Amino acid sequence: VDMSKLKADGLMVAAAYMQGLQAAVKLCEQQQ
């Protein structure tokens, strides 16, 4: 159960990280 909770947390962190990356890329494109 702990492992599945950790996996879910890891996925949430990864998703947030990916969203952050996409936002950063969009910002860079706008600046260019």
Full PDB file with SEQRES, HELIX, SHEET, SSBOND, CRYST1, ORIGX, SCALE, CONECT and MASTER records, all heavy atoms in Angstrom:
SEQRES   1 A   32  VAL ASP MET SER LYS LEU LYS ALA ASP GLY LEU MET VAL          
SEQRES   2 A   32  ALA ALA ALA TYR MET GLN GLY LEU GLN ALA ALA VAL LYS          
SEQRES   3 A   32  LEU CYS GLU GLN GLN GLN                                      
HELIX    1 AA1 ASP A    2  GLN A   31  1                                  30    
CRYST1    1.000    1.000    1.000  90.00  90.00  90.00 P 1           1          
ORIGX1      1.000000  0.000000  0.000000        0.00000                         
ORIGX2      0.000000  1.000000  0.000000        0.00000                         
ORIGX3      0.000000  0.000000  1.000000        0.00000                         
SCALE1      1.000000  0.000000  0.000000        0.00000                         
SCALE2      0.000000  1.000000  0.000000        0.00000                         
SCALE3      0.000000  0.000000  1.000000        0.00000                         
ATOM      1  N   VAL A   1       0.849  -1.200   0.000  1.00  0.00           N  
ATOM      2  CA  VAL A   1       0.000   0.000   0.000  1.00  0.00           C  
ATOM      3  C   VAL A   1       0.875   1.237   0.000  1.00  0.00           C  
ATOM      4  O   VAL A   1       0.644   2.180  -0.758  1.00  0.00           O  
ATOM      5  CB  VAL A   1      -0.944  -0.009   1.226  1.00  0.00           C  
ATOM      6  CG1 VAL A   1      -1.618   1.343   1.387  1.00  0.00           C  
ATOM      7  CG2 VAL A   1      -1.988  -1.105   1.079  1.00  0.00           C  
ATOM      8  N   ASP A   2       1.901   1.247   0.845  1.00  0.00           N  
ATOM      9  CA  ASP A   2       2.822   2.387   0.885  1.00  0.00           C  
ATOM     10  C   ASP A   2       3.461   2.608  -0.476  1.00  0.00           C  
ATOM     11  O   ASP A   2       3.583   3.744  -0.939  1.00  0.00           O  
ATOM     12  CB  ASP A   2       3.914   2.158   1.943  1.00  0.00           C  
ATOM     13  CG  ASP A   2       3.369   2.328   3.360  1.00  0.00           C  
ATOM     14  OD1 ASP A   2       2.236   2.833   3.490  1.00  0.00           O  
ATOM     15  OD2 ASP A   2       4.068   1.975   4.309  1.00  0.00           O  
ATOM     16  N   MET A   3       3.865   1.512  -1.118  1.00  0.00           N  
ATOM     17  CA  MET A   3       4.518   1.618  -2.416  1.00  0.00           C  
ATOM     18  C   MET A   3       3.575   2.230  -3.445  1.00  0.00           C  
ATOM     19  O   MET A   3       3.962   3.090  -4.223  1.00  0.00           O  
ATOM     20  CB  MET A   3       4.982   0.238  -2.899  1.00  0.00           C  
ATOM     21  CG  MET A   3       6.196  -0.285  -2.144  1.00  0.00           C  
ATOM     22  SD  MET A   3       7.645   0.764  -2.297  1.00  0.00           S  
ATOM     23  CE  MET A   3       8.162   0.316  -3.950  1.00  0.00           C  
ATOM     24  N   SER A   4       2.313   1.798  -3.437  1.00  0.00           N  
ATOM     25  CA  SER A   4       1.364   2.339  -4.419  1.00  0.00           C  
ATOM     26  C   SER A   4       1.113   3.816  -4.137  1.00  0.00           C  
ATOM     27  O   SER A   4       0.979   4.613  -5.060  1.00  0.00           O  
ATOM     28  CB  SER A   4       0.059   1.548  -4.411  1.00  0.00           C  
ATOM     29  OG  SER A   4      -0.561   1.616  -3.157  1.00  0.00           O  
ATOM     30  N   LYS A   5       1.093   4.198  -2.857  1.00  0.00           N  
ATOM     31  CA  LYS A   5       0.935   5.615  -2.512  1.00  0.00           C  
ATOM     32  C   LYS A   5       2.138   6.393  -3.020  1.00  0.00           C  
ATOM     33  O   LYS A   5       1.993   7.470  -3.602  1.00  0.00           O  
ATOM     34  CB  LYS A   5       0.836   5.781  -0.986  1.00  0.00           C  
ATOM     35  CG  LYS A   5      -0.564   5.622  -0.446  1.00  0.00           C  
ATOM     36  CD  LYS A   5      -0.590   5.962   1.034  1.00  0.00           C  
ATOM     37  CE  LYS A   5      -1.864   5.464   1.690  1.00  0.00           C  
ATOM     38  NZ  LYS A   5      -1.779   5.506   3.149  1.00  0.00           N  
ATOM     39  N   LEU A   6       3.323   5.852  -2.790  1.00  0.00           N  
ATOM     40  CA  LEU A   6       4.548   6.506  -3.251  1.00  0.00           C  
ATOM     41  C   LEU A   6       4.529   6.654  -4.764  1.00  0.00           C  
ATOM     42  O   LEU A   6       4.893   7.696  -5.301  1.00  0.00           O  
ATOM     43  CB  LEU A   6       5.776   5.679  -2.846  1.00  0.00           C  
ATOM     44  CG  LEU A   6       6.325   5.948  -1.451  1.00  0.00           C  
ATOM     45  CD1 LEU A   6       7.470   4.992  -1.148  1.00  0.00           C  
ATOM     46  CD2 LEU A   6       6.791   7.380  -1.306  1.00  0.00           C  
ATOM     47  N   LYS A   7       4.092   5.599  -5.456  1.00  0.00           N  
ATOM     48  CA  LYS A   7       4.025   5.634  -6.922  1.00  0.00           C  
ATOM     49  C   LYS A   7       3.097   6.752  -7.370  1.00  0.00           C  
ATOM     50  O   LYS A   7       3.425   7.519  -8.265  1.00  0.00           O  
ATOM     51  CB  LYS A   7       3.505   4.293  -7.441  1.00  0.00           C  
ATOM     52  CG  LYS A   7       4.477   3.607  -8.378  1.00  0.00           C  
ATOM     53  CD  LYS A   7       3.834   2.363  -8.967  1.00  0.00           C  
ATOM     54  CE  LYS A   7       4.766   1.177  -8.842  1.00  0.00           C  
ATOM     55  NZ  LYS A   7       4.131  -0.075  -9.200  1.00  0.00           N  
ATOM     56  N   ALA A   8       1.940   6.869  -6.716  1.00  0.00           N  
ATOM     57  CA  ALA A   8       0.977   7.910  -7.071  1.00  0.00           C  
ATOM     58  C   ALA A   8       1.600   9.286  -6.836  1.00  0.00           C  
ATOM     59  O   ALA A   8       1.499  10.175  -7.677  1.00  0.00           O  
ATOM     60  CB  ALA A   8      -0.296   7.741  -6.252  1.00  0.00           C  
ATOM     61  N   ASP A   9       2.280   9.451  -5.693  1.00  0.00           N  
ATOM     62  CA  ASP A   9       2.943  10.726  -5.405  1.00  0.00           C  
ATOM     63  C   ASP A   9       3.991  11.027  -6.465  1.00  0.00           C  
ATOM     64  O   ASP A   9       4.093  12.148  -6.946  1.00  0.00           O  
ATOM     65  CB  ASP A   9       3.606  10.674  -4.020  1.00  0.00           C  
ATOM     66  CG  ASP A   9       2.577  10.730  -2.898  1.00  0.00           C  
ATOM     67  OD1 ASP A   9       1.402  11.010  -3.208  1.00  0.00           O  
ATOM     68  OD2 ASP A   9       2.942  10.507  -1.739  1.00  0.00           O  
ATOM     69  N   GLY A  10       4.758  10.008  -6.823  1.00  0.00           N  
ATOM     70  CA  GLY A  10       5.799  10.192  -7.833  1.00  0.00           C  
ATOM     71  C   GLY A  10       5.212  10.625  -9.165  1.00  0.00           C  
ATOM     72  O   GLY A  10       5.749  11.499  -9.833  1.00  0.00           O  
ATOM     73  N   LEU A  11       4.079  10.023  -9.524  1.00  0.00           N  
ATOM     74  CA  LEU A  11       3.422  10.385 -10.783  1.00  0.00           C  
ATOM     75  C   LEU A  11       2.936  11.824 -10.730  1.00  0.00           C  
ATOM     76  O   LEU A  11       3.073  12.569 -11.699  1.00  0.00           O  
ATOM     77  CB  LEU A  11       2.241   9.445 -11.044  1.00  0.00           C  
ATOM     78  CG  LEU A  11       2.633   8.053 -11.532  1.00  0.00           C  
ATOM     79  CD1 LEU A  11       1.409   7.156 -11.611  1.00  0.00           C  
ATOM     80  CD2 LEU A  11       3.305   8.125 -12.902  1.00  0.00           C  
ATOM     81  N   MET A  12       2.380  12.237  -9.580  1.00  0.00           N  
ATOM     82  CA  MET A  12       1.904  13.619  -9.442  1.00  0.00           C  
ATOM     83  C   MET A  12       3.076  14.581  -9.590  1.00  0.00           C  
ATOM     84  O   MET A  12       2.980  15.589 -10.292  1.00  0.00           O  
ATOM     85  CB  MET A  12       1.263  13.815  -8.052  1.00  0.00           C  
ATOM     86  CG  MET A  12       0.058  12.955  -7.806  1.00  0.00           C  
ATOM     87  SD  MET A  12      -1.487  13.852  -7.768  1.00  0.00           S  
ATOM     88  CE  MET A  12      -1.168  15.114  -6.556  1.00  0.00           C  
ATOM     89  N   VAL A  13       4.188  14.269  -8.934  1.00  0.00           N  
ATOM     90  CA  VAL A  13       5.374  15.122  -9.024  1.00  0.00           C  
ATOM     91  C   VAL A  13       5.858  15.184 -10.465  1.00  0.00           C  
ATOM     92  O   VAL A  13       6.167  16.260 -10.981  1.00  0.00           O  
ATOM     93  CB  VAL A  13       6.492  14.592  -8.099  1.00  0.00           C  
ATOM     94  CG1 VAL A  13       7.807  15.307  -8.381  1.00  0.00           C  
ATOM     95  CG2 VAL A  13       6.083  14.763  -6.642  1.00  0.00           C  
ATOM     96  N   ALA A  14       5.911  14.032 -11.128  1.00  0.00           N  
ATOM     97  CA  ALA A  14       6.371  13.987 -12.520  1.00  0.00           C  
ATOM     98  C   ALA A  14       5.446  14.810 -13.410  1.00  0.00           C  
ATOM     99  O   ALA A  14       5.909  15.558 -14.273  1.00  0.00           O  
ATOM    100  CB  ALA A  14       6.427  12.540 -13.005  1.00  0.00           C  
ATOM    101  N   ALA A  15       4.136  14.700 -13.184  1.00  0.00           N  
ATOM    102  CA  ALA A  15       3.174  15.455 -13.993  1.00  0.00           C  
ATOM    103  C   ALA A  15       3.364  16.949 -13.773  1.00  0.00           C  
ATOM    104  O   ALA A  15       3.387  17.728 -14.731  1.00  0.00           O  
ATOM    105  CB  ALA A  15       1.747  15.043 -13.623  1.00  0.00           C  
ATOM    106  N   ALA A  16       3.523  17.356 -12.528  1.00  0.00           N  
ATOM    107  CA  ALA A  16       3.728  18.775 -12.220  1.00  0.00           C  
ATOM    108  C   ALA A  16       5.021  19.260 -12.868  1.00  0.00           C  
ATOM    109  O   ALA A  16       5.082  20.360 -13.419  1.00  0.00           O  
ATOM    110  CB  ALA A  16       3.786  18.974 -10.708  1.00  0.00           C  
ATOM    111  N   TYR A  17       6.055  18.433 -12.810  1.00  0.00           N  
ATOM    112  CA  TYR A  17       7.348  18.784 -13.405  1.00  0.00           C  
ATOM    113  C   TYR A  17       7.198  18.972 -14.912  1.00  0.00           C  
ATOM    114  O   TYR A  17       7.696  19.945 -15.479  1.00  0.00           O  
ATOM    115  CB  TYR A  17       8.345  17.667 -13.088  1.00  0.00           C  
ATOM    116  CG  TYR A  17       9.732  17.897 -13.630  1.00  0.00           C  
ATOM    117  CD1 TYR A  17      10.535  18.909 -13.106  1.00  0.00           C  
ATOM    118  CD2 TYR A  17      10.244  17.099 -14.648  1.00  0.00           C  
ATOM    119  CE1 TYR A  17      11.817  19.126 -13.597  1.00  0.00           C  
ATOM    120  CE2 TYR A  17      11.519  17.306 -15.143  1.00  0.00           C  
ATOM    121  CZ  TYR A  17      12.298  18.317 -14.611  1.00  0.00           C  
ATOM    122  OH  TYR A  17      13.559  18.512 -15.096  1.00  0.00           O  
ATOM    123  N   MET A  18       6.471  18.048 -15.558  1.00  0.00           N  
ATOM    124  CA  MET A  18       6.270  18.148 -17.005  1.00  0.00           C  
ATOM    125  C   MET A  18       5.492  19.408 -17.346  1.00  0.00           C  
ATOM    126  O   MET A  18       5.813  20.108 -18.305  1.00  0.00           O  
ATOM    127  CB  MET A  18       5.500  16.916 -17.515  1.00  0.00           C  
ATOM    128  CG  MET A  18       6.334  15.649 -17.521  1.00  0.00           C  
ATOM    129  SD  MET A  18       7.797  15.764 -18.562  1.00  0.00           S  
ATOM    130  CE  MET A  18       7.036  15.788 -20.188  1.00  0.00           C  
ATOM    131  N   GLN A  19       4.474  19.732 -16.560  1.00  0.00           N  
ATOM    132  CA  GLN A  19       3.692  20.945 -16.805  1.00  0.00           C  
ATOM    133  C   GLN A  19       4.596  22.164 -16.682  1.00  0.00           C  
ATOM    134  O   GLN A  19       4.519  23.092 -17.475  1.00  0.00           O  
ATOM    135  CB  GLN A  19       2.529  21.043 -15.815  1.00  0.00           C  
ATOM    136  CG  GLN A  19       1.372  20.126 -16.198  1.00  0.00           C  
ATOM    137  CD  GLN A  19       0.238  20.181 -15.199  1.00  0.00           C  
ATOM    138  OE1 GLN A  19       0.447  20.512 -14.040  1.00  0.00           O  
ATOM    139  NE2 GLN A  19      -0.949  19.846 -15.632  1.00  0.00           N  
ATOM    140  N   GLY A  20       5.469  22.150 -15.684  1.00  0.00           N  
ATOM    141  CA  GLY A  20       6.407  23.259 -15.493  1.00  0.00           C  
ATOM    142  C   GLY A  20       7.323  23.396 -16.691  1.00  0.00           C  
ATOM    143  O   GLY A  20       7.586  24.509 -17.164  1.00  0.00           O  
ATOM    144  N   LEU A  21       7.813  22.265 -17.183  1.00  0.00           N  
ATOM    145  CA  LEU A  21       8.704  22.292 -18.356  1.00  0.00           C  
ATOM    146  C   LEU A  21       7.973  22.873 -19.559  1.00  0.00           C  
ATOM    147  O   LEU A  21       8.502  23.715 -20.272  1.00  0.00           O  
ATOM    148  CB  LEU A  21       9.170  20.870 -18.688  1.00  0.00           C  
ATOM    149  CG  LEU A  21      10.385  20.363 -17.927  1.00  0.00           C  
ATOM    150  CD1 LEU A  21      10.728  18.952 -18.380  1.00  0.00           C  
ATOM    151  CD2 LEU A  21      11.577  21.267 -18.149  1.00  0.00           C  
ATOM    152  N   GLN A  22       6.742  22.424 -19.785  1.00  0.00           N  
ATOM    153  CA  GLN A  22       5.967  22.911 -20.923  1.00  0.00           C  
ATOM    154  C   GLN A  22       5.735  24.412 -20.801  1.00  0.00           C  
ATOM    155  O   GLN A  22       5.855  25.150 -21.782  1.00  0.00           O  
ATOM    156  CB  GLN A  22       4.629  22.169 -20.998  1.00  0.00           C  
ATOM    157  CG  GLN A  22       4.791  20.753 -21.529  1.00  0.00           C  
ATOM    158  CD  GLN A  22       3.489  19.960 -21.469  1.00  0.00           C  
ATOM    159  OE1 GLN A  22       2.574  20.313 -20.743  1.00  0.00           O  
ATOM    160  NE2 GLN A  22       3.422  18.886 -22.218  1.00  0.00           N  
ATOM    161  N   ALA A  23       5.428  24.886 -19.601  1.00  0.00           N  
ATOM    162  CA  ALA A  23       5.207  26.318 -19.381  1.00  0.00           C  
ATOM    163  C   ALA A  23       6.494  27.083 -19.675  1.00  0.00           C  
ATOM    164  O   ALA A  23       6.471  28.137 -20.320  1.00  0.00           O  
ATOM    165  CB  ALA A  23       4.758  26.565 -17.941  1.00  0.00           C  
ATOM    166  N   ALA A  24       7.631  26.551 -19.242  1.00  0.00           N  
ATOM    167  CA  ALA A  24       8.916  27.202 -19.484  1.00  0.00           C  
ATOM    168  C   ALA A  24       9.207  27.270 -20.979  1.00  0.00           C  
ATOM    169  O   ALA A  24       9.654  28.300 -21.487  1.00  0.00           O  
ATOM    170  CB  ALA A  24      10.033  26.441 -18.756  1.00  0.00           C  
ATOM    171  N   VAL A  25       8.931  26.193 -21.691  1.00  0.00           N  
ATOM    172  CA  VAL A  25       9.158  26.163 -23.141  1.00  0.00           C  
ATOM    173  C   VAL A  25       8.287  27.208 -23.831  1.00  0.00           C  
ATOM    174  O   VAL A  25       8.750  27.949 -24.695  1.00  0.00           O  
ATOM    175  CB  VAL A  25       8.867  24.756 -23.701  1.00  0.00           C  
ATOM    176  CG1 VAL A  25       8.800  24.781 -25.223  1.00  0.00           C  
ATOM    177  CG2 VAL A  25       9.926  23.764 -23.229  1.00  0.00           C  
ATOM    178  N   LYS A  26       7.013  27.294 -23.416  1.00  0.00           N  
ATOM    179  CA  LYS A  26       6.102  28.283 -24.010  1.00  0.00           C  
ATOM    180  C   LYS A  26       6.634  29.695 -23.772  1.00  0.00           C  
ATOM    181  O   LYS A  26       6.622  30.536 -24.668  1.00  0.00           O  
ATOM    182  CB  LYS A  26       4.705  28.147 -23.406  1.00  0.00           C  
ATOM    183  CG  LYS A  26       3.891  27.041 -24.057  1.00  0.00           C  
ATOM    184  CD  LYS A  26       2.496  26.962 -23.455  1.00  0.00           C  
ATOM    185  CE  LYS A  26       1.781  25.712 -23.935  1.00  0.00           C  
ATOM    186  NZ  LYS A  26       0.564  25.445 -23.161  1.00  0.00           N  
ATOM    187  N   LEU A  27       7.098  29.955 -22.548  1.00  0.00           N  
ATOM    188  CA  LEU A  27       7.637  31.277 -22.221  1.00  0.00           C  
ATOM    189  C   LEU A  27       8.824  31.602 -23.120  1.00  0.00           C  
ATOM    190  O   LEU A  27       8.920  32.701 -23.667  1.00  0.00           O  
ATOM    191  CB  LEU A  27       8.086  31.330 -20.750  1.00  0.00           C  
ATOM    192  CG  LEU A  27       7.013  31.739 -19.749  1.00  0.00           C  
ATOM    193  CD1 LEU A  27       7.554  31.649 -18.328  1.00  0.00           C  
ATOM    194  CD2 LEU A  27       6.525  33.161 -20.020  1.00  0.00           C  
ATOM    195  N   CYS A  28       9.717  30.642 -23.275  1.00  0.00           N  
ATOM    196  CA  CYS A  28      10.894  30.852 -24.122  1.00  0.00           C  
ATOM    197  C   CYS A  28      10.479  31.150 -25.561  1.00  0.00           C  
ATOM    198  O   CYS A  28      11.018  32.061 -26.185  1.00  0.00           O  
ATOM    199  CB  CYS A  28      11.802  29.611 -24.098  1.00  0.00           C  
ATOM    200  SG  CYS A  28      12.702  29.452 -22.553  1.00  0.00           S  
ATOM    201  N   GLU A  29       9.500  30.415 -26.065  1.00  0.00           N  
ATOM    202  CA  GLU A  29       9.037  30.636 -27.440  1.00  0.00           C  
ATOM    203  C   GLU A  29       8.454  32.037 -27.583  1.00  0.00           C  
ATOM    204  O   GLU A  29       8.719  32.735 -28.565  1.00  0.00           O  
ATOM    205  CB  GLU A  29       7.989  29.580 -27.815  1.00  0.00           C  
ATOM    206  CG  GLU A  29       8.614  28.218 -28.123  1.00  0.00           C  
ATOM    207  CD  GLU A  29       7.566  27.138 -28.339  1.00  0.00           C  
ATOM    208  OE1 GLU A  29       6.366  27.425 -28.156  1.00  0.00           O  
ATOM    209  OE2 GLU A  29       7.961  26.010 -28.677  1.00  0.00           O  
ATOM    210  N   GLN A  30       7.667  32.459 -26.600  1.00  0.00           N  
ATOM    211  CA  GLN A  30       7.073  33.798 -26.656  1.00  0.00           C  
ATOM    212  C   GLN A  30       8.171  34.859 -26.659  1.00  0.00           C  
ATOM    213  O   GLN A  30       8.120  35.810 -27.434  1.00  0.00           O  
ATOM    214  CB  GLN A  30       6.148  34.018 -25.465  1.00  0.00           C  
ATOM    215  CG  GLN A  30       4.802  33.301 -25.619  1.00  0.00           C  
ATOM    216  CD  GLN A  30       3.952  33.394 -24.363  1.00  0.00           C  
ATOM    217  OE1 GLN A  30       4.405  33.910 -23.358  1.00  0.00           O  
ATOM    218  NE2 GLN A  30       2.748  32.861 -24.429  1.00  0.00           N  
ATOM    219  N   GLN A  31       9.188  34.689 -25.822  1.00  0.00           N  
ATOM    220  CA  GLN A  31      10.272  35.660 -25.748  1.00  0.00           C  
ATOM    221  C   GLN A  31      11.029  35.705 -27.064  1.00  0.00           C  
ATOM    222  O   GLN A  31      11.417  36.777 -27.528  1.00  0.00           O  
ATOM    223  CB  GLN A  31      11.213  35.324 -24.582  1.00  0.00           C  
ATOM    224  CG  GLN A  31      10.625  35.708 -23.240  1.00  0.00           C  
ATOM    225  CD  GLN A  31      11.492  35.301 -22.089  1.00  0.00           C  
ATOM    226  OE1 GLN A  31      12.371  34.461 -22.241  1.00  0.00           O  
ATOM    227  NE2 GLN A  31      11.250  35.861 -20.928  1.00  0.00           N  
ATOM    228  N   GLN A  32      11.234  34.548 -27.687  1.00  0.00           N  
ATOM    229  CA  GLN A  32      11.952  34.513 -28.959  1.00  0.00           C  
ATOM    230  C   GLN A  32      11.163  35.239 -30.032  1.00  0.00           C  
ATOM    231  O   GLN A  32      11.719  35.953 -30.852  1.00  0.00           O  
ATOM    232  CB  GLN A  32      12.214  33.058 -29.392  1.00  0.00           C  
ATOM    233  CG  GLN A  32      13.375  32.441 -28.642  1.00  0.00           C  
ATOM    234  CD  GLN A  32      13.568  30.970 -28.980  1.00  0.00           C  
ATOM    235  OE1 GLN A  32      12.691  30.352 -29.570  1.00  0.00           O  
ATOM    236  NE2 GLN A  32      14.706  30.422 -28.616  1.00  0.00           N  
TER     237      GLN A  32                                                      
MASTER        0    0    0    1    0    0    0    6  236    1    0    3          
END                                                                             
